[in-house]
Amino acid sequence: MAEATTKLPVKPAKEAAKPGVGAPGALDVLRREIDRVFEDFPSLSFRTSLHRPLLNFEPLWRSALSWGLTPAVDIAEKDGFYEVTVELPGMSENNIDVKYSDGMLTIKGEKDESTEEKQKDYHLSERRYGSFERSFTLPSGINADIVEATFKNGVLTVALPKSAEARKKEKKIAVTAK
């Protein structure tokens, strides 16, 4: 006697999403989720000055070639003077302007860089340019007559000496434990 056969319905297999073709990668999903979490905190400033997310990844080569809108600055109080250090790679001292007036230090600069390379089978021409201006309000008591700015190896250093009167006002206060 012949056995009865039952046919089961066959469903076609779903194709797996291929990475990079329409389907977001795991890191992209994680980055978006982290950005969304930080956007839920409006009172905290986890965003940069250009309103880009803090964890916005960009290729290393792109950030290395771009000219930042504002250079990195360090301000330190040393014995008898304030020191402002500004990183300005690729610039020359001729393109930097430093002014001190009424307790305000202003540093301006402009970078205009172009390279051109011609070979037998190609021609490469790149131009990068931009300007910046940073201003800092400094405490009173700076002797404006002897402010000094030096530029070496892409680093601008501005020394702002304290006046004799400002140095006298400083008082060391002892800290005691109870």
Protein backbone atom coordinates (compact mmCIF):
# COMPACT_ATOMS: atom_id res chain seq x y z
CA MET A 1 0.00 0.00 0.00
CA ALA A 2 1.29 3.46 -0.77
CA GLU A 3 2.07 5.79 2.03
CA ALA A 4 0.31 9.10 2.11
CA THR A 5 2.69 11.98 1.76
CA THR A 6 2.03 15.40 3.11
CA LYS A 7 3.52 18.41 1.51
CA LEU A 8 4.64 21.22 3.77
CA PRO A 9 4.47 24.79 2.51
CA VAL A 10 7.94 26.11 1.75
CA LYS A 11 8.67 29.75 2.44
CA PRO A 12 11.58 31.39 0.67
CA ALA A 13 14.45 32.38 2.98
CA LYS A 14 14.86 36.07 3.61
CA GLU A 15 18.12 37.47 2.34
CA ALA A 16 20.43 38.73 5.06
CA ALA A 17 21.18 42.43 4.88
CA LYS A 18 24.64 43.02 3.58
CA PRO A 19 26.77 45.47 5.61
CA GLY A 20 27.31 48.77 3.85
CA VAL A 21 24.43 48.20 1.39
CA GLY A 22 21.40 49.93 2.85
CA ALA A 23 21.72 48.43 6.32
CA PRO A 24 23.46 50.58 8.96
CA GLY A 25 26.46 49.06 10.64
CA ALA A 26 26.51 48.35 14.36
CA LEU A 27 28.78 51.34 15.07
CA ASP A 28 26.50 53.71 13.15
CA VAL A 29 23.50 52.54 15.16
CA LEU A 30 25.43 52.90 18.43
CA ARG A 31 26.64 56.40 17.49
CA ARG A 32 23.10 57.54 16.66
CA GLU A 33 21.78 56.16 19.92
CA ILE A 34 24.49 57.90 21.95
CA ASP A 35 23.83 61.17 20.10
CA ARG A 36 20.12 60.80 20.85
CA VAL A 37 20.84 60.28 24.56
CA PHE A 38 22.98 63.43 24.72
CA GLU A 39 20.32 65.43 22.86
CA ASP A 40 17.93 64.60 25.72
CA PHE A 41 20.08 66.73 28.06
CA PRO A 42 19.56 70.29 26.76
CA SER A 43 20.91 71.94 29.90
CA LEU A 44 24.28 70.23 29.58
CA SER A 45 26.69 71.43 26.94
CA PHE A 46 27.88 68.17 25.43
CA ARG A 47 27.94 69.74 21.99
CA THR A 48 30.76 71.61 20.35
CA SER A 49 30.65 75.27 19.38
CA LEU A 50 29.56 74.31 15.87
CA HIS A 51 26.56 72.35 17.23
CA ARG A 52 27.93 69.04 16.08
CA PRO A 53 27.43 66.02 18.32
CA LEU A 54 30.28 65.28 20.69
CA LEU A 55 30.73 61.78 19.30
CA ASN A 56 30.60 62.70 15.64
CA PHE A 57 33.23 60.53 14.03
CA GLU A 58 34.99 61.69 10.90
CA PRO A 59 37.88 60.12 9.08
CA LEU A 60 41.28 60.99 10.50
CA TRP A 61 42.54 62.30 7.18
CA ARG A 62 39.71 64.83 6.92
CA SER A 63 40.33 66.35 10.35
CA ALA A 64 44.07 66.49 9.76
CA LEU A 65 43.62 68.52 6.58
CA SER A 66 41.00 70.96 7.78
CA TRP A 67 41.91 74.35 9.24
CA GLY A 68 40.13 74.71 12.54
CA LEU A 69 38.02 77.77 13.19
CA THR A 70 39.73 78.51 16.50
CA PRO A 71 43.21 77.42 17.52
CA ALA A 72 43.94 75.69 20.81
CA VAL A 73 44.88 78.13 23.60
CA ASP A 74 46.39 77.63 27.06
CA ILE A 75 46.35 80.43 29.66
CA ALA A 76 48.52 80.05 32.75
CA GLU A 77 49.34 82.28 35.69
CA LYS A 78 53.00 82.05 36.50
CA ASP A 79 55.17 83.83 39.05
CA GLY A 80 54.86 87.52 38.16
CA PHE A 81 53.07 87.17 34.78
CA TYR A 82 50.33 85.53 32.78
CA GLU A 83 51.28 83.36 29.82
CA VAL A 84 49.02 82.72 26.82
CA THR A 85 50.12 79.94 24.47
CA VAL A 86 48.41 79.47 21.09
CA GLU A 87 49.01 76.59 18.68
CA LEU A 88 49.24 77.93 15.11
CA PRO A 89 50.81 75.19 12.96
CA GLY A 90 51.73 76.13 9.42
CA MET A 91 51.45 79.88 10.04
CA SER A 92 54.16 82.52 9.99
CA GLU A 93 54.61 85.43 12.38
CA ASN A 94 53.74 87.84 9.55
CA ASN A 95 50.13 86.56 9.51
CA ILE A 96 49.53 86.98 13.25
CA ASP A 97 48.26 90.14 14.96
CA VAL A 98 48.37 90.49 18.77
CA LYS A 99 46.80 93.44 20.59
CA TYR A 100 46.30 94.28 24.27
CA SER A 101 43.91 97.07 25.21
CA ASP A 102 41.90 97.83 28.37
CA GLY A 103 42.32 94.37 29.86
CA MET A 104 41.46 92.59 26.60
CA LEU A 105 43.98 90.46 24.70
CA THR A 106 43.03 89.88 21.06
CA ILE A 107 44.85 87.45 18.78
CA LYS A 108 44.01 87.41 15.07
CA GLY A 109 45.47 85.39 12.27
CA GLU A 110 44.97 84.34 8.71
CA LYS A 111 46.23 81.26 6.96
CA ASP A 112 46.48 81.08 3.21
CA GLU A 113 48.19 77.95 1.99
CA SER A 114 48.38 76.54 -1.49
CA THR A 115 50.33 73.69 -3.00
CA GLU A 116 50.71 72.77 -6.63
CA GLU A 117 52.35 69.71 -8.06
CA LYS A 118 52.70 68.98 -11.75
CA GLN A 119 53.85 65.61 -13.00
CA LYS A 120 53.84 63.94 -16.36
CA ASP A 121 50.43 62.31 -15.94
CA TYR A 122 48.67 64.49 -13.33
CA HIS A 123 48.28 67.99 -11.94
CA LEU A 124 47.48 68.49 -8.23
CA SER A 125 46.44 71.87 -6.84
CA GLU A 126 45.22 72.35 -3.23
CA ARG A 127 44.25 75.54 -1.44
CA ARG A 128 43.42 75.99 2.23
CA TYR A 129 42.61 79.26 3.84
CA GLY A 130 40.84 80.69 6.85
CA SER A 131 41.07 83.28 9.56
CA PHE A 132 40.44 83.36 13.27
CA GLU A 133 40.10 85.86 16.08
CA ARG A 134 40.19 85.09 19.80
CA SER A 135 39.75 87.62 22.58
CA PHE A 136 40.38 87.14 26.29
CA THR A 137 39.50 89.38 29.21
CA LEU A 138 42.41 89.37 31.62
CA PRO A 139 42.55 90.58 35.22
CA SER A 140 43.57 94.16 35.89
CA GLY A 141 47.12 94.92 36.89
CA ILE A 142 48.97 93.99 33.70
CA ASN A 143 51.91 96.14 32.73
CA ALA A 144 50.95 96.82 29.10
CA ASP A 145 54.27 98.54 28.33
CA ILE A 146 56.29 95.33 28.50
CA VAL A 147 53.91 92.73 27.01
CA GLU A 148 55.96 90.39 24.83
CA ALA A 149 54.94 87.96 22.07
CA THR A 150 57.22 85.29 20.58
CA PHE A 151 56.56 82.79 17.81
CA LYS A 152 58.56 79.58 17.45
CA ASN A 153 57.79 76.26 15.72
CA GLY A 154 54.12 77.10 15.17
CA VAL A 155 53.48 78.16 18.78
CA LEU A 156 52.72 81.75 19.76
CA THR A 157 53.57 82.66 23.36
CA VAL A 158 52.37 85.95 24.85
CA ALA A 159 53.85 86.99 28.21
CA LEU A 160 51.76 89.54 30.11
CA PRO A 161 53.74 90.74 33.16
CA LYS A 162 51.86 91.81 36.27
CA SER A 163 52.43 95.36 37.45
CA ALA A 164 54.30 95.95 40.71
CA GLU A 165 51.04 97.07 42.31
CA ALA A 166 49.26 93.86 41.28
CA ARG A 167 52.10 91.76 42.72
CA LYS A 168 51.83 93.58 46.06
CA LYS A 169 48.11 92.78 46.30
CA GLU A 170 48.80 89.04 46.24
CA LYS A 171 48.79 87.43 49.64
CA LYS A 172 49.58 83.84 50.50
CA ILE A 173 46.94 82.44 52.82
CA ALA A 174 47.85 79.47 54.98
CA VAL A 175 45.46 76.53 55.04
CA THR A 176 44.97 74.84 58.41
CA ALA A 177 43.29 71.54 59.18
CA LYS A 178 40.69 71.32 61.96
